Amino acid sequence: MAHPVPARRPGGRSARVRADVLAAVNALLTEDGYDALSIEAVADRSGVHRTTVYRRWGSVPMLLVDLLDLGAEDDWRAPDTGSLEGDLIAVNREVRDALSADPSPTLAVIAASFRSPEAAQALRRFWADRYERCAVAVQRAVDRGEVPAGTDPDRLLIAATGPLYHHRVLLGRALTRDEADAYARAALAGAAGA
C-alpha cells in the first residue's frame, strides 16, 4: 500500500502544525515507544485536529518518516576543533550524550525505525546525510596531513561511533565520556596508520 508523502510547506501555519505534530511524535515515542504511537495520540498531544494529521501524514510510519527526515533539514555541522582527534571526540560526545539521555529520544527513534520499511529507509537517509556532513572534517584532516589522502570518511566515522551504538543499543550499557573519547582516538589511530 502506497503512503502519501508528507507535504513540505515553508513557514506559516503549516510549519507550526508540522512542528507541533513532530514534537508530539518525538515525545510520545520517547515516553511510551512505537506501540503506543497512534494518529489519535499525536493529535491529542499536539493539539492538531485528527483529520489534519490523517490527511497530511496518513499513517504512523509516515509520521516517523517525517520526524527522521526533519534531521536533514537542521543546521547541524561536523565540529571544527582544529584537529581530527578533537572533531571525532566532539562527535562521540554528542552521540554518547544523545544515547545516554534517560529517556533517550535517539534510542526510541532508532528502535521505532525498524518497525516499518518506510521508517527504516528514512533512518538510512538520515545516517547518509550525517556521514556526508562529517566528510568535511576528514577532508580538513587530509589537508592538514593528519590522515592519508583517500581516507574513507564513512569508515572512519563508523569506527569512531560504532562502539557507542553497540554498547548502548545492543548491550544496554551507556559508556562514560572517557570511554567515548578513547573510541574516537582509536579510530583516528587506525586511520592514521598507527
Protein backbone atom coordinates (compact mmCIF):
# COMPACT_ATOMS: atom_id res chain seq x y z
CA MET A 1 0.00 0.00 0.00
CA ALA A 2 1.44 3.37 -1.01
CA HIS A 3 1.62 6.03 1.67
CA PRO A 4 1.29 9.73 0.99
CA VAL A 5 4.48 11.73 1.13
CA PRO A 6 4.26 14.39 3.84
CA ALA A 7 3.74 17.83 2.33
CA ARG A 8 6.54 20.30 2.91
CA ARG A 9 5.35 23.88 3.00
CA PRO A 10 7.58 26.69 4.21
CA GLY A 11 6.54 28.95 7.06
CA GLY A 12 3.20 29.98 8.44
CA ARG A 13 0.51 27.79 9.93
CA SER A 14 1.65 24.72 8.01
CA ALA A 15 5.12 24.91 9.55
CA ARG A 16 3.64 25.34 13.03
CA VAL A 17 1.36 22.34 12.52
CA ARG A 18 4.28 20.23 11.36
CA ALA A 19 6.46 21.36 14.27
CA ASP A 20 3.69 20.66 16.82
CA VAL A 21 2.88 17.26 15.35
CA LEU A 22 6.50 16.12 15.10
CA ALA A 23 7.23 17.36 18.63
CA ALA A 24 4.30 15.24 19.79
CA VAL A 25 5.56 12.21 17.84
CA ASN A 26 9.02 12.59 19.37
CA ALA A 27 7.65 12.98 22.90
CA LEU A 28 5.19 10.08 22.67
CA LEU A 29 7.76 7.81 21.07
CA THR A 30 10.32 8.65 23.74
CA GLU A 31 7.86 8.22 26.61
CA ASP A 32 5.95 5.12 25.53
CA GLY A 33 7.56 3.59 22.44
CA TYR A 34 6.28 2.81 18.97
CA ASP A 35 3.41 0.56 20.05
CA ALA A 36 1.73 3.42 21.90
CA LEU A 37 2.06 5.81 18.96
CA SER A 38 -1.19 6.50 17.11
CA ILE A 39 -2.68 9.24 14.98
CA GLU A 40 -5.18 9.92 17.78
CA ALA A 41 -2.49 10.19 20.46
CA VAL A 42 -0.40 12.50 18.27
CA ALA A 43 -3.45 14.67 17.53
CA ASP A 44 -4.32 14.88 21.23
CA ARG A 45 -0.75 15.67 22.28
CA SER A 46 -0.11 18.22 19.53
CA GLY A 47 -3.46 19.97 19.65
CA VAL A 48 -3.79 19.44 15.89
CA HIS A 49 -7.08 18.04 14.67
CA ARG A 50 -7.01 14.32 13.92
CA THR A 51 -8.26 14.77 10.37
CA THR A 52 -5.39 17.18 9.66
CA VAL A 53 -2.88 14.60 10.91
CA TYR A 54 -4.53 11.84 8.84
CA ARG A 55 -4.70 14.00 5.74
CA ARG A 56 -1.11 15.20 5.92
CA TRP A 57 0.68 12.06 7.14
CA GLY A 58 -1.77 9.23 6.62
CA SER A 59 -0.19 6.71 9.00
CA VAL A 60 2.06 6.27 12.00
CA PRO A 61 5.00 5.08 9.84
CA MET A 62 4.78 8.28 7.78
CA LEU A 63 4.83 10.38 10.95
CA LEU A 64 8.06 8.64 11.87
CA VAL A 65 9.45 9.13 8.35
CA ASP A 66 8.80 12.86 8.59
CA LEU A 67 10.41 13.01 12.03
CA LEU A 68 13.53 11.33 10.64
CA ASP A 69 13.54 13.49 7.52
CA LEU A 70 13.45 16.55 9.76
CA GLY A 71 17.06 15.72 10.65
CA ALA A 72 18.13 16.51 7.10
CA GLU A 73 16.63 19.97 7.47
CA ASP A 74 18.57 21.01 10.57
CA ASP A 75 21.75 23.08 10.59
CA TRP A 76 23.99 20.53 12.31
CA ARG A 77 27.55 20.57 11.05
CA ALA A 78 30.57 18.45 11.89
CA PRO A 79 32.62 20.04 14.65
CA ASP A 80 35.70 22.01 13.64
CA THR A 81 38.06 21.93 16.60
CA GLY A 82 41.24 22.33 14.56
CA SER A 83 42.20 18.65 14.69
CA LEU A 84 40.57 15.44 13.57
CA GLU A 85 41.06 13.99 17.04
CA GLY A 86 39.13 16.89 18.53
CA ASP A 87 36.43 16.62 15.85
CA LEU A 88 35.95 12.88 16.43
CA ILE A 89 35.88 13.32 20.19
CA ALA A 90 33.27 16.08 19.82
CA VAL A 91 31.11 13.85 17.60
CA ASN A 92 31.45 10.94 20.01
CA ARG A 93 30.48 13.13 22.94
CA GLU A 94 27.35 14.26 21.10
CA VAL A 95 26.45 10.66 20.28
CA ARG A 96 27.19 9.48 23.80
CA ASP A 97 25.08 12.24 25.33
CA ALA A 98 22.16 11.52 22.97
CA LEU A 99 22.27 7.80 23.70
CA SER A 100 22.70 8.31 27.46
CA ALA A 101 19.69 10.58 27.94
CA ASP A 102 17.00 8.98 30.08
CA PRO A 103 14.70 8.57 28.35
CA SER A 104 16.56 8.83 25.05
CA PRO A 105 14.68 10.15 22.02
CA THR A 106 17.55 8.85 19.88
CA LEU A 107 17.15 5.29 21.13
CA ALA A 108 13.38 5.49 20.75
CA VAL A 109 13.62 6.65 17.13
CA ILE A 110 16.22 4.00 16.26
CA ALA A 111 14.09 1.24 17.77
CA ALA A 112 10.92 2.52 16.08
CA SER A 113 12.58 2.84 12.68
CA PHE A 114 12.79 -0.93 12.38
CA ARG A 115 9.02 -1.26 12.69
CA SER A 116 8.25 -0.18 9.11
CA PRO A 117 10.14 -0.31 5.82
CA GLU A 118 9.44 3.38 5.20
CA ALA A 119 10.90 4.40 8.54
CA ALA A 120 13.93 2.11 8.09
CA GLN A 121 14.62 3.79 4.74
CA ALA A 122 14.23 7.23 6.37
CA LEU A 123 16.74 6.23 9.04
CA ARG A 124 19.22 5.20 6.32
CA ARG A 125 18.71 8.60 4.64
CA PHE A 126 19.32 10.31 7.97
CA TRP A 127 22.61 8.46 8.51
CA ALA A 128 23.74 9.07 4.92
CA ASP A 129 23.14 12.78 5.47
CA ARG A 130 25.13 12.78 8.73
CA TYR A 131 28.03 10.88 7.15
CA GLU A 132 28.07 13.33 4.26
CA ARG A 133 28.18 16.26 6.68
CA CYS A 134 31.07 14.65 8.58
CA ALA A 135 33.12 14.05 5.44
CA VAL A 136 34.29 17.66 5.54
CA ALA A 137 36.07 17.01 8.85
CA VAL A 138 38.01 14.17 7.29
CA GLN A 139 38.89 16.29 4.25
CA ARG A 140 40.20 19.03 6.56
CA ALA A 141 42.33 16.38 8.29
CA VAL A 142 43.67 15.15 4.94
CA ASP A 143 44.54 18.74 4.03
CA ARG A 144 46.38 19.16 7.36
CA GLY A 145 48.26 15.88 6.85
CA GLU A 146 46.67 14.15 9.83
CA VAL A 147 45.40 11.19 7.80
CA PRO A 148 46.34 9.89 4.36
CA ALA A 149 44.57 11.03 1.22
CA GLY A 150 41.85 8.55 0.36
CA THR A 151 40.81 8.02 3.98
CA ASP A 152 37.20 6.86 3.84
CA PRO A 153 35.12 9.29 5.94
CA ASP A 154 32.22 6.85 6.46
CA ARG A 155 34.51 4.06 7.58
CA LEU A 156 36.33 6.37 9.99
CA LEU A 157 33.11 7.70 11.48
CA ILE A 158 31.67 4.20 11.87
CA ALA A 159 34.89 3.08 13.58
CA ALA A 160 34.64 6.02 16.00
CA THR A 161 30.92 5.97 16.78
CA GLY A 162 30.00 2.34 16.15
CA PRO A 163 31.17 1.10 19.57
CA LEU A 164 28.93 3.65 21.28
CA TYR A 165 25.85 2.36 19.47
CA HIS A 166 26.94 -1.24 20.03
CA HIS A 167 27.34 -0.78 23.76
CA ARG A 168 24.17 1.25 24.27
CA VAL A 169 21.75 -0.31 21.76
CA LEU A 170 22.86 -3.94 21.78
CA LEU A 171 24.34 -4.34 25.26
CA GLY A 172 22.23 -1.75 27.10
CA ARG A 173 25.31 -0.12 28.60
CA ALA A 174 25.99 3.61 28.45
CA LEU A 175 29.65 4.50 28.05
CA THR A 176 31.47 7.11 30.06
CA ARG A 177 32.76 10.20 28.34
CA ASP A 178 36.33 8.91 28.70
CA GLU A 179 35.36 5.63 27.01
CA ALA A 180 33.68 7.53 24.16
CA ASP A 181 36.82 9.67 23.77
CA ALA A 182 39.00 6.55 23.70
CA TYR A 183 36.97 5.06 20.82
CA ALA A 184 37.41 8.29 18.85
CA ARG A 185 41.18 8.18 19.43
CA ALA A 186 41.39 4.51 18.49
CA ALA A 187 39.54 5.15 15.20
CA LEU A 188 41.92 8.01 14.41
CA ALA A 189 44.96 5.86 15.20
CA GLY A 190 43.68 3.21 12.79
CA ALA A 191 43.06 5.77 10.04
CA ALA A 192 46.43 7.41 10.55
CA GLY A 193 48.15 4.04 10.27
CA ALA A 194 49.41 3.94 13.84
